[in-house]
Amino acid sequence: MENKGRLHYAWVILISCCLLIAGGQGAIGYSSGIFYVPVGRELGVGRGAMVTYASIQNICMAMTVPFAGKLLPGKKCGKKIALAAAGVAAGFALLSFGTALWHWYAIGAFIGVCSAFVFMFP
């Protein structure tokens, strides 16, 4: 079976995964900084307090990674990832309703837990 001139299927999967991670985590993670000052102004807090939300999110994600590594392999892996992706999306939607800093911290923790299943292992 010769495959001249065609990209092997494994490379297609690798490139697709790279694009997914760049589009998902990259767009969210690297563009969120532009919102810290205006949102902090609305909540009456400084940039440092707002950035703590991202720290909480990343700490919760790091603490969840070992559990995600044990829960993801096996049957219905895709369903688990889809459920976690829905959780991430719902978390970001919920941020628009956050009227106090602690709301952002709590939702950030939730997003961090779900992100471990979406952005780290798949």
N, C-alpha and C. Protein backbone atom coordinates (compact mmCIF):
# COMPACT_ATOMS: atom_id res chain seq x y z
N MET A 1 0.85 -1.18 0.00
CA MET A 1 0.00 0.00 0.00
C MET A 1 0.90 1.24 0.00
N GLU A 2 0.96 1.88 -1.10
CA GLU A 2 1.83 3.04 -1.23
C GLU A 2 1.01 4.31 -1.08
N ASN A 3 1.63 5.30 -0.46
CA ASN A 3 0.91 6.52 -0.12
C ASN A 3 1.68 7.74 -0.64
N LYS A 4 2.11 7.70 -1.91
CA LYS A 4 2.92 8.78 -2.45
C LYS A 4 2.09 10.04 -2.64
N GLY A 5 2.67 11.14 -2.17
CA GLY A 5 2.03 12.43 -2.39
C GLY A 5 0.86 12.74 -1.47
N ARG A 6 0.51 11.81 -0.63
CA ARG A 6 -0.62 12.05 0.28
C ARG A 6 -0.14 12.10 1.71
N LEU A 7 -0.80 12.89 2.50
CA LEU A 7 -0.47 13.02 3.91
C LEU A 7 -1.03 11.82 4.67
N HIS A 8 -0.22 11.21 5.49
CA HIS A 8 -0.68 10.06 6.28
C HIS A 8 -1.78 10.52 7.24
N TYR A 9 -2.71 9.62 7.48
CA TYR A 9 -3.86 9.94 8.33
C TYR A 9 -3.44 10.39 9.74
N ALA A 10 -2.38 9.84 10.26
CA ALA A 10 -1.90 10.23 11.60
C ALA A 10 -1.50 11.70 11.63
N TRP A 11 -0.91 12.19 10.53
CA TRP A 11 -0.54 13.61 10.46
C TRP A 11 -1.78 14.50 10.41
N VAL A 12 -2.80 14.04 9.74
CA VAL A 12 -4.06 14.80 9.68
C VAL A 12 -4.65 14.94 11.08
N ILE A 13 -4.61 13.87 11.84
CA ILE A 13 -5.13 13.90 13.22
C ILE A 13 -4.29 14.85 14.06
N LEU A 14 -2.97 14.77 13.95
CA LEU A 14 -2.09 15.64 14.72
C LEU A 14 -2.33 17.11 14.38
N ILE A 15 -2.41 17.43 13.13
CA ILE A 15 -2.65 18.82 12.70
C ILE A 15 -4.01 19.30 13.18
N SER A 16 -5.02 18.44 13.10
CA SER A 16 -6.36 18.80 13.58
C SER A 16 -6.35 19.08 15.08
N CYS A 17 -5.66 18.26 15.85
CA CYS A 17 -5.58 18.47 17.29
C CYS A 17 -4.87 19.78 17.62
N CYS A 18 -3.81 20.08 16.88
CA CYS A 18 -3.10 21.34 17.09
C CYS A 18 -4.00 22.54 16.80
N LEU A 19 -4.77 22.46 15.73
CA LEU A 19 -5.68 23.55 15.40
C LEU A 19 -6.79 23.69 16.44
N LEU A 20 -7.27 22.56 16.94
CA LEU A 20 -8.31 22.62 17.98
C LEU A 20 -7.79 23.28 19.25
N ILE A 21 -6.60 22.91 19.68
CA ILE A 21 -6.06 23.48 20.91
C ILE A 21 -5.73 24.95 20.71
N ALA A 22 -5.21 25.31 19.53
CA ALA A 22 -4.90 26.72 19.26
C ALA A 22 -6.17 27.54 19.18
N GLY A 23 -7.19 26.99 18.57
CA GLY A 23 -8.45 27.73 18.45
C GLY A 23 -9.21 27.82 19.75
N GLY A 24 -9.18 26.75 20.51
CA GLY A 24 -9.93 26.74 21.76
C GLY A 24 -9.21 27.43 22.89
N GLN A 25 -8.19 26.79 23.38
CA GLN A 25 -7.46 27.33 24.53
C GLN A 25 -6.69 28.58 24.15
N GLY A 26 -6.15 28.63 22.97
CA GLY A 26 -5.38 29.79 22.56
C GLY A 26 -6.22 31.05 22.48
N ALA A 27 -7.34 30.96 21.82
CA ALA A 27 -8.21 32.14 21.67
C ALA A 27 -8.74 32.60 23.02
N ILE A 28 -9.13 31.66 23.85
CA ILE A 28 -9.68 32.02 25.15
C ILE A 28 -8.59 32.53 26.08
N GLY A 29 -7.51 31.79 26.17
CA GLY A 29 -6.45 32.12 27.11
C GLY A 29 -5.70 33.38 26.79
N TYR A 30 -5.45 33.60 25.52
CA TYR A 30 -4.60 34.73 25.16
C TYR A 30 -5.36 36.00 24.85
N SER A 31 -6.64 35.92 24.66
CA SER A 31 -7.40 37.14 24.41
C SER A 31 -8.18 37.62 25.63
N SER A 32 -8.20 36.83 26.68
CA SER A 32 -8.98 37.21 27.85
C SER A 32 -8.40 38.42 28.57
N GLY A 33 -7.11 38.67 28.42
CA GLY A 33 -6.47 39.79 29.11
C GLY A 33 -7.03 41.15 28.74
N ILE A 34 -7.59 41.28 27.56
CA ILE A 34 -8.13 42.57 27.16
C ILE A 34 -9.41 42.92 27.92
N PHE A 35 -10.00 41.94 28.58
CA PHE A 35 -11.25 42.19 29.30
C PHE A 35 -11.06 42.47 30.79
N TYR A 36 -9.87 42.22 31.32
CA TYR A 36 -9.66 42.35 32.76
C TYR A 36 -9.90 43.78 33.27
N VAL A 37 -9.37 44.77 32.59
CA VAL A 37 -9.51 46.14 33.06
C VAL A 37 -10.96 46.63 32.98
N PRO A 38 -11.66 46.49 31.84
CA PRO A 38 -13.04 46.97 31.80
C PRO A 38 -13.97 46.22 32.75
N VAL A 39 -13.79 44.90 32.85
CA VAL A 39 -14.65 44.12 33.75
C VAL A 39 -14.32 44.47 35.20
N GLY A 40 -13.05 44.60 35.51
CA GLY A 40 -12.65 45.00 36.86
C GLY A 40 -13.21 46.37 37.23
N ARG A 41 -13.23 47.27 36.29
CA ARG A 41 -13.81 48.60 36.53
C ARG A 41 -15.30 48.48 36.86
N GLU A 42 -16.01 47.63 36.13
CA GLU A 42 -17.44 47.42 36.40
C GLU A 42 -17.68 46.78 37.77
N LEU A 43 -16.78 45.88 38.16
CA LEU A 43 -16.92 45.21 39.45
C LEU A 43 -16.33 46.02 40.59
N GLY A 44 -15.61 47.07 40.26
CA GLY A 44 -15.01 47.92 41.29
C GLY A 44 -13.74 47.34 41.89
N VAL A 45 -13.00 46.56 41.10
CA VAL A 45 -11.75 45.96 41.58
C VAL A 45 -10.64 46.25 40.56
N GLY A 46 -9.43 46.05 40.97
CA GLY A 46 -8.28 46.30 40.11
C GLY A 46 -7.96 45.13 39.22
N ARG A 47 -6.97 45.34 38.37
CA ARG A 47 -6.54 44.32 37.42
C ARG A 47 -6.00 43.09 38.14
N GLY A 48 -5.26 43.29 39.22
CA GLY A 48 -4.69 42.17 39.96
C GLY A 48 -5.75 41.22 40.50
N ALA A 49 -6.84 41.77 41.00
CA ALA A 49 -7.93 40.94 41.51
C ALA A 49 -8.59 40.16 40.38
N MET A 50 -8.68 40.79 39.22
CA MET A 50 -9.29 40.10 38.08
C MET A 50 -8.38 38.99 37.55
N VAL A 51 -7.08 39.24 37.52
CA VAL A 51 -6.15 38.24 37.02
C VAL A 51 -6.11 37.03 37.94
N THR A 52 -6.43 37.23 39.21
CA THR A 52 -6.49 36.11 40.15
C THR A 52 -7.51 35.07 39.69
N TYR A 53 -8.55 35.51 38.98
CA TYR A 53 -9.53 34.59 38.42
C TYR A 53 -8.84 33.57 37.50
N ALA A 54 -7.92 34.05 36.65
CA ALA A 54 -7.21 33.16 35.74
C ALA A 54 -6.28 32.23 36.52
N SER A 55 -5.69 32.72 37.58
CA SER A 55 -4.82 31.87 38.40
C SER A 55 -5.62 30.75 39.05
N ILE A 56 -6.78 31.10 39.57
CA ILE A 56 -7.65 30.08 40.18
C ILE A 56 -8.05 29.05 39.14
N GLN A 57 -8.39 29.51 37.96
CA GLN A 57 -8.78 28.61 36.88
C GLN A 57 -7.65 27.64 36.56
N ASN A 58 -6.43 28.14 36.42
CA ASN A 58 -5.30 27.28 36.08
C ASN A 58 -4.91 26.34 37.21
N ILE A 59 -5.01 26.80 38.44
CA ILE A 59 -4.70 25.94 39.59
C ILE A 59 -5.70 24.80 39.68
N CYS A 60 -6.98 25.10 39.49
CA CYS A 60 -8.00 24.05 39.51
C CYS A 60 -7.82 23.06 38.37
N MET A 61 -7.41 23.57 37.21
CA MET A 61 -7.15 22.68 36.09
C MET A 61 -5.98 21.76 36.42
N ALA A 62 -4.91 22.30 36.99
CA ALA A 62 -3.74 21.50 37.33
C ALA A 62 -4.07 20.44 38.38
N MET A 63 -4.93 20.78 39.33
CA MET A 63 -5.30 19.81 40.37
C MET A 63 -6.22 18.73 39.82
N THR A 64 -6.95 19.01 38.76
CA THR A 64 -7.89 18.06 38.20
C THR A 64 -7.25 17.12 37.18
N VAL A 65 -6.13 17.50 36.61
CA VAL A 65 -5.49 16.71 35.56
C VAL A 65 -5.27 15.24 35.98
N PRO A 66 -4.78 14.94 37.19
CA PRO A 66 -4.60 13.52 37.54
C PRO A 66 -5.91 12.73 37.52
N PHE A 67 -7.00 13.36 37.95
CA PHE A 67 -8.29 12.68 37.94
C PHE A 67 -8.81 12.51 36.51
N ALA A 68 -8.60 13.52 35.69
CA ALA A 68 -9.02 13.44 34.29
C ALA A 68 -8.26 12.33 33.58
N GLY A 69 -6.99 12.18 33.92
CA GLY A 69 -6.18 11.13 33.32
C GLY A 69 -6.68 9.73 33.66
N LYS A 70 -7.30 9.59 34.80
CA LYS A 70 -7.84 8.28 35.20
C LYS A 70 -9.26 8.07 34.68
N LEU A 71 -10.02 9.14 34.54
CA LEU A 71 -11.42 9.02 34.14
C LEU A 71 -11.62 8.96 32.62
N LEU A 72 -10.76 9.60 31.86
CA LEU A 72 -10.99 9.69 30.41
C LEU A 72 -10.79 8.38 29.66
N PRO A 73 -9.71 7.63 29.91
CA PRO A 73 -9.54 6.41 29.11
C PRO A 73 -10.69 5.44 29.33
N GLY A 74 -11.02 4.73 28.29
CA GLY A 74 -12.08 3.74 28.40
C GLY A 74 -13.25 4.08 27.51
N LYS A 75 -14.36 3.49 27.84
CA LYS A 75 -15.56 3.67 27.04
C LYS A 75 -16.15 5.07 27.22
N LYS A 76 -16.79 5.52 26.19
CA LYS A 76 -17.51 6.80 26.19
C LYS A 76 -16.59 7.99 26.47
N CYS A 77 -15.36 7.90 26.01
CA CYS A 77 -14.41 8.99 26.20
C CYS A 77 -14.90 10.26 25.51
N GLY A 78 -15.43 10.11 24.31
CA GLY A 78 -15.93 11.26 23.56
C GLY A 78 -17.08 11.96 24.28
N LYS A 79 -17.93 11.20 24.91
CA LYS A 79 -19.05 11.79 25.64
C LYS A 79 -18.57 12.56 26.87
N LYS A 80 -17.55 12.04 27.52
CA LYS A 80 -16.98 12.73 28.68
C LYS A 80 -16.35 14.05 28.26
N ILE A 81 -15.63 14.03 27.14
CA ILE A 81 -15.00 15.25 26.64
C ILE A 81 -16.06 16.25 26.20
N ALA A 82 -17.10 15.77 25.53
CA ALA A 82 -18.19 16.66 25.09
C ALA A 82 -18.89 17.30 26.28
N LEU A 83 -19.11 16.52 27.33
CA LEU A 83 -19.75 17.06 28.54
C LEU A 83 -18.87 18.12 29.18
N ALA A 84 -17.57 17.86 29.25
CA ALA A 84 -16.64 18.84 29.82
C ALA A 84 -16.57 20.09 28.95
N ALA A 85 -16.59 19.93 27.63
CA ALA A 85 -16.57 21.08 26.72
C ALA A 85 -17.83 21.92 26.90
N ALA A 86 -18.96 21.26 27.10
CA ALA A 86 -20.19 22.00 27.38
C ALA A 86 -20.07 22.74 28.70
N GLY A 87 -19.39 22.14 29.67
CA GLY A 87 -19.17 22.80 30.95
C GLY A 87 -18.30 24.04 30.80
N VAL A 88 -17.26 23.95 29.97
CA VAL A 88 -16.39 25.11 29.73
C VAL A 88 -17.21 26.22 29.07
N ALA A 89 -17.98 25.86 28.06
CA ALA A 89 -18.80 26.86 27.36
C ALA A 89 -19.83 27.49 28.30
N ALA A 90 -20.47 26.66 29.11
CA ALA A 90 -21.44 27.18 30.07
C ALA A 90 -20.76 28.08 31.10
N GLY A 91 -19.57 27.71 31.52
CA GLY A 91 -18.84 28.54 32.47
C GLY A 91 -18.54 29.91 31.92
N PHE A 92 -18.07 29.96 30.68
CA PHE A 92 -17.79 31.26 30.08
C PHE A 92 -19.07 32.06 29.87
N ALA A 93 -20.16 31.39 29.57
CA ALA A 93 -21.44 32.10 29.46
C ALA A 93 -21.88 32.64 30.83
N LEU A 94 -21.65 31.86 31.87
CA LEU A 94 -22.01 32.30 33.22
C LEU A 94 -21.21 33.51 33.68
N LEU A 95 -20.00 33.66 33.17
CA LEU A 95 -19.19 34.82 33.56
C LEU A 95 -19.90 36.13 33.23
N SER A 96 -20.73 36.12 32.21
CA SER A 96 -21.43 37.36 31.85
C SER A 96 -22.46 37.76 32.90
N PHE A 97 -22.84 36.83 33.77
CA PHE A 97 -23.78 37.14 34.83
C PHE A 97 -23.10 37.44 36.16
N GLY A 98 -21.78 37.35 36.21
CA GLY A 98 -21.04 37.58 37.45
C GLY A 98 -21.07 39.05 37.85
N THR A 99 -21.65 39.33 39.01
CA THR A 99 -21.76 40.72 39.47
C THR A 99 -20.85 41.01 40.66
N ALA A 100 -20.14 40.00 41.10
CA ALA A 100 -19.20 40.17 42.21
C ALA A 100 -17.94 39.36 41.88
N LEU A 101 -16.85 39.75 42.47
CA LEU A 101 -15.58 39.10 42.17
C LEU A 101 -15.60 37.62 42.54
N TRP A 102 -16.26 37.29 43.63
CA TRP A 102 -16.29 35.88 44.04
C TRP A 102 -17.04 35.03 43.02
N HIS A 103 -17.99 35.62 42.28
CA HIS A 103 -18.65 34.87 41.20
C HIS A 103 -17.62 34.44 40.16
N TRP A 104 -16.75 35.38 39.80
CA TRP A 104 -15.72 35.08 38.81
C TRP A 104 -14.78 34.01 39.33
N TYR A 105 -14.44 34.08 40.60
CA TYR A 105 -13.54 33.08 41.18
C TYR A 105 -14.19 31.70 41.17
N ALA A 106 -15.44 31.60 41.57
CA ALA A 106 -16.13 30.31 41.61
C ALA A 106 -16.32 29.73 40.21
N ILE A 107 -16.72 30.57 39.27
CA ILE A 107 -16.91 30.10 37.90
C ILE A 107 -15.56 29.75 37.28
N GLY A 108 -14.52 30.50 37.62
CA GLY A 108 -13.18 30.17 37.13
C GLY A 108 -12.73 28.80 37.61
N ALA A 109 -13.05 28.46 38.86
CA ALA A 109 -12.71 27.14 39.38
C ALA A 109 -13.46 26.05 38.60
N PHE A 110 -14.72 26.29 38.32
CA PHE A 110 -15.53 25.34 37.54
C PHE A 110 -14.95 25.16 36.14
N ILE A 111 -14.61 26.27 35.49
CA ILE A 111 -14.03 26.21 34.15
C ILE A 111 -12.70 25.46 34.20
N GLY A 112 -11.91 25.69 35.23
CA GLY A 112 -10.63 25.00 35.36
C GLY A 112 -10.79 23.50 35.45
N VAL A 113 -11.77 23.05 36.24
CA VAL A 113 -12.00 21.61 36.39
C VAL A 113 -12.42 21.01 35.04
N CYS A 114 -13.33 21.66 34.35
CA CYS A 114 -13.78 21.15 33.05
C CYS A 114 -12.66 21.22 32.01
N SER A 115 -11.83 22.24 32.09
CA SER A 115 -10.75 22.42 31.11
C SER A 115 -9.74 21.29 31.15
N ALA A 116 -9.54 20.69 32.30
CA ALA A 116 -8.59 19.58 32.40
C ALA A 116 -9.00 18.44 31.48
N PHE A 117 -10.29 18.23 31.32
CA PHE A 117 -10.79 17.16 30.46
C PHE A 117 -10.77 17.54 28.99
N VAL A 118 -10.87 18.83 28.69
CA VAL A 118 -10.98 19.28 27.32
C VAL A 118 -9.64 19.62 26.69
N PHE A 119 -8.81 20.36 27.42
CA PHE A 119 -7.61 20.92 26.83
C PHE A 119 -6.33 20.13 27.11
N MET A 120 -6.32 19.29 28.09
CA MET A 120 -5.06 18.63 28.47
C MET A 120 -4.88 17.26 27.81
N PHE A 121 -5.86 16.39 27.86
CA PHE A 121 -5.66 15.03 27.41
C PHE A 121 -6.09 14.73 25.98
N PRO A 122 -7.20 15.23 25.54
CA PRO A 122 -7.62 14.83 24.17
C PRO A 122 -6.62 15.24 23.13
